Amino acid sequence: MTATAPARAPKPLYSNVSPAVPSPCTGVCRLDEHKVCLGCFRHVEDIREWRSADDERRRVIVVQAANRRATSL
Protein backbone atom coordinates (compact mmCIF):
# COMPACT_ATOMS: atom_id res chain seq x y z
CA MET A 1 0.00 0.00 0.00
CA THR A 2 1.38 3.43 -0.93
CA ALA A 3 0.73 6.66 0.91
CA THR A 4 -0.68 9.55 -1.08
CA ALA A 5 0.70 13.02 -0.82
CA PRO A 6 -1.37 15.42 1.28
CA ALA A 7 -3.61 17.69 -0.75
CA ARG A 8 -2.28 21.21 -1.23
CA ALA A 9 -4.45 24.26 -0.96
CA PRO A 10 -4.88 25.85 -4.39
CA LYS A 11 -2.80 28.90 -5.19
CA PRO A 12 -4.76 32.15 -5.13
CA LEU A 13 -4.87 32.83 -8.85
CA TYR A 14 -7.41 35.28 -10.11
CA SER A 15 -9.16 34.83 -13.41
CA ASN A 16 -8.19 36.85 -16.43
CA VAL A 17 -11.85 37.89 -16.58
CA SER A 18 -13.46 39.93 -13.83
CA PRO A 19 -17.07 41.09 -13.91
CA ALA A 20 -16.05 44.04 -11.72
CA VAL A 21 -13.12 45.24 -13.85
CA PRO A 22 -13.23 44.28 -17.52
CA SER A 23 -9.96 44.02 -19.40
CA PRO A 24 -9.09 47.10 -21.44
CA CYS A 25 -7.60 44.87 -24.15
CA THR A 26 -8.76 45.87 -27.63
CA GLY A 27 -7.04 43.06 -29.51
CA VAL A 28 -4.47 45.45 -31.02
CA CYS A 29 -1.37 44.04 -29.39
CA ARG A 30 1.61 46.13 -30.51
CA LEU A 31 4.14 47.69 -28.19
CA ASP A 32 5.72 51.09 -28.73
CA GLU A 33 9.32 51.99 -27.88
CA HIS A 34 8.33 52.45 -24.21
CA LYS A 35 6.76 48.96 -24.03
CA VAL A 36 3.23 50.38 -23.92
CA CYS A 37 0.52 48.62 -25.93
CA LEU A 38 -0.87 50.78 -28.73
CA GLY A 39 -4.29 49.17 -28.31
CA CYS A 40 -5.02 49.34 -24.58
CA PHE A 41 -2.20 51.64 -23.42
CA ARG A 42 -1.12 49.28 -20.65
CA HIS A 43 2.59 48.86 -20.01
CA VAL A 44 3.88 45.37 -20.77
CA GLU A 45 4.40 44.75 -17.04
CA ASP A 46 0.76 45.67 -16.35
CA ILE A 47 -0.37 43.25 -19.04
CA ARG A 48 1.69 40.48 -17.45
CA GLU A 49 0.36 41.31 -13.99
CA TRP A 50 -3.30 41.49 -15.07
CA ARG A 51 -4.02 37.77 -14.67
CA SER A 52 -2.93 37.65 -11.04
CA ALA A 53 -4.05 41.16 -10.04
CA ASP A 54 -7.03 41.65 -7.76
CA ASP A 55 -9.83 44.05 -8.73
CA GLU A 56 -8.31 46.98 -6.81
CA ARG A 57 -4.99 46.66 -8.66
CA ARG A 58 -6.82 46.22 -11.97
CA ARG A 59 -8.65 49.50 -11.38
CA VAL A 60 -5.30 51.24 -10.89
CA ILE A 61 -3.96 49.70 -14.11
CA VAL A 62 -7.06 50.83 -16.04
CA VAL A 63 -6.73 54.41 -14.74
CA GLN A 64 -3.04 54.52 -15.63
CA ALA A 65 -3.80 53.20 -19.12
CA ALA A 66 -6.55 55.83 -19.58
CA ASN A 67 -4.10 58.55 -18.54
CA ARG A 68 -1.54 57.28 -21.08
CA ARG A 69 -4.22 57.23 -23.78
CA ALA A 70 -5.30 60.81 -22.95
CA THR A 71 -1.75 62.17 -23.07
CA SER A 72 -0.97 60.37 -26.34
CA LEU A 73 -3.76 62.03 -28.32
C-alpha atoms as a PDB file:
ATOM      1  CA  MET A   1       0.000   0.000   0.000  1.00  0.00           C
ATOM      2  CA  THR A   2       1.380   3.429  -0.931  1.00  0.00           C
ATOM      3  CA  ALA A   3       0.734   6.662   0.907  1.00  0.00           C
ATOM      4  CA  THR A   4      -0.680   9.552  -1.080  1.00  0.00           C
ATOM      5  CA  ALA A   5       0.701  13.024  -0.820  1.00  0.00           C
ATOM      6  CA  PRO A   6      -1.368  15.423   1.279  1.00  0.00           C
ATOM      7  CA  ALA A   7      -3.609  17.694  -0.751  1.00  0.00           C
ATOM      8  CA  ARG A   8      -2.281  21.211  -1.234  1.00  0.00           C
ATOM      9  CA  ALA A   9      -4.448  24.256  -0.965  1.00  0.00           C
ATOM     10  CA  PRO A  10      -4.883  25.848  -4.395  1.00  0.00           C
ATOM     11  CA  LYS A  11      -2.796  28.897  -5.186  1.00  0.00           C
ATOM     12  CA  PRO A  12      -4.757  32.149  -5.126  1.00  0.00           C
ATOM     13  CA  LEU A  13      -4.871  32.834  -8.847  1.00  0.00           C
ATOM     14  CA  TYR A  14      -7.414  35.276 -10.115  1.00  0.00           C
ATOM     15  CA  SER A  15      -9.161  34.833 -13.410  1.00  0.00           C
ATOM     16  CA  ASN A  16      -8.193  36.850 -16.433  1.00  0.00           C
ATOM     17  CA  VAL A  17     -11.851  37.886 -16.578  1.00  0.00           C
ATOM     18  CA  SER A  18     -13.456  39.935 -13.829  1.00  0.00           C
ATOM     19  CA  PRO A  19     -17.068  41.089 -13.911  1.00  0.00           C
ATOM     20  CA  ALA A  20     -16.054  44.040 -11.716  1.00  0.00           C
ATOM     21  CA  VAL A  21     -13.116  45.245 -13.849  1.00  0.00           C
ATOM     22  CA  PRO A  22     -13.229  44.280 -17.520  1.00  0.00           C
ATOM     23  CA  SER A  23      -9.964  44.016 -19.397  1.00  0.00           C
ATOM     24  CA  PRO A  24      -9.087  47.105 -21.438  1.00  0.00           C
ATOM     25  CA  CYS A  25      -7.604  44.867 -24.154  1.00  0.00           C
ATOM     26  CA  THR A  26      -8.762  45.874 -27.634  1.00  0.00           C
ATOM     27  CA  GLY A  27      -7.036  43.064 -29.508  1.00  0.00           C
ATOM     28  CA  VAL A  28      -4.469  45.447 -31.017  1.00  0.00           C
ATOM     29  CA  CYS A  29      -1.373  44.042 -29.390  1.00  0.00           C
ATOM     30  CA  ARG A  30       1.612  46.125 -30.506  1.00  0.00           C
ATOM     31  CA  LEU A  31       4.144  47.694 -28.186  1.00  0.00           C
ATOM     32  CA  ASP A  32       5.718  51.089 -28.734  1.00  0.00           C
ATOM     33  CA  GLU A  33       9.323  51.988 -27.877  1.00  0.00           C
ATOM     34  CA  HIS A  34       8.325  52.450 -24.209  1.00  0.00           C
ATOM     35  CA  LYS A  35       6.763  48.961 -24.032  1.00  0.00           C
ATOM     36  CA  VAL A  36       3.229  50.379 -23.917  1.00  0.00           C
ATOM     37  CA  CYS A  37       0.522  48.620 -25.927  1.00  0.00           C
ATOM     38  CA  LEU A  38      -0.869  50.779 -28.730  1.00  0.00           C
ATOM     39  CA  GLY A  39      -4.285  49.173 -28.309  1.00  0.00           C
ATOM     40  CA  CYS A  40      -5.017  49.337 -24.583  1.00  0.00           C
ATOM     41  CA  PHE A  41      -2.200  51.644 -23.422  1.00  0.00           C
ATOM     42  CA  ARG A  42      -1.120  49.276 -20.651  1.00  0.00           C
ATOM     43  CA  HIS A  43       2.594  48.860 -20.010  1.00  0.00           C
ATOM     44  CA  VAL A  44       3.876  45.373 -20.774  1.00  0.00           C
ATOM     45  CA  GLU A  45       4.402  44.748 -17.045  1.00  0.00           C
ATOM     46  CA  ASP A  46       0.764  45.675 -16.347  1.00  0.00           C
ATOM     47  CA  ILE A  47      -0.367  43.247 -19.043  1.00  0.00           C
ATOM     48  CA  ARG A  48       1.691  40.478 -17.452  1.00  0.00           C
ATOM     49  CA  GLU A  49       0.358  41.313 -13.995  1.00  0.00           C
ATOM     50  CA  TRP A  50      -3.297  41.490 -15.066  1.00  0.00           C
ATOM     51  CA  ARG A  51      -4.020  37.771 -14.670  1.00  0.00           C
ATOM     52  CA  SER A  52      -2.935  37.646 -11.035  1.00  0.00           C
ATOM     53  CA  ALA A  53      -4.046  41.158 -10.036  1.00  0.00           C
ATOM     54  CA  ASP A  54      -7.031  41.653  -7.762  1.00  0.00           C
ATOM     55  CA  ASP A  55      -9.828  44.054  -8.726  1.00  0.00           C
ATOM     56  CA  GLU A  56      -8.311  46.975  -6.811  1.00  0.00           C
ATOM     57  CA  ARG A  57      -4.995  46.658  -8.660  1.00  0.00           C
ATOM     58  CA  ARG A  58      -6.825  46.217 -11.974  1.00  0.00           C
ATOM     59  CA  ARG A  59      -8.648  49.501 -11.380  1.00  0.00           C
ATOM     60  CA  VAL A  60      -5.297  51.238 -10.887  1.00  0.00           C
ATOM     61  CA  ILE A  61      -3.958  49.701 -14.109  1.00  0.00           C
ATOM     62  CA  VAL A  62      -7.060  50.827 -16.041  1.00  0.00           C
ATOM     63  CA  VAL A  63      -6.730  54.407 -14.739  1.00  0.00           C
ATOM     64  CA  GLN A  64      -3.035  54.523 -15.628  1.00  0.00           C
ATOM     65  CA  ALA A  65      -3.799  53.200 -19.119  1.00  0.00           C
ATOM     66  CA  ALA A  66      -6.552  55.826 -19.584  1.00  0.00           C
ATOM     67  CA  ASN A  67      -4.101  58.551 -18.542  1.00  0.00           C
ATOM     68  CA  ARG A  68      -1.542  57.279 -21.079  1.00  0.00           C
ATOM     69  CA  ARG A  69      -4.223  57.229 -23.779  1.00  0.00           C
ATOM     70  CA  ALA A  70      -5.302  60.807 -22.954  1.00  0.00           C
ATOM     71  CA  THR A  71      -1.754  62.168 -23.073  1.00  0.00           C
ATOM     72  CA  SER A  72      -0.971  60.370 -26.344  1.00  0.00           C
ATOM     73  CA  LEU A  73      -3.763  62.026 -28.323  1.00  0.00           C
END
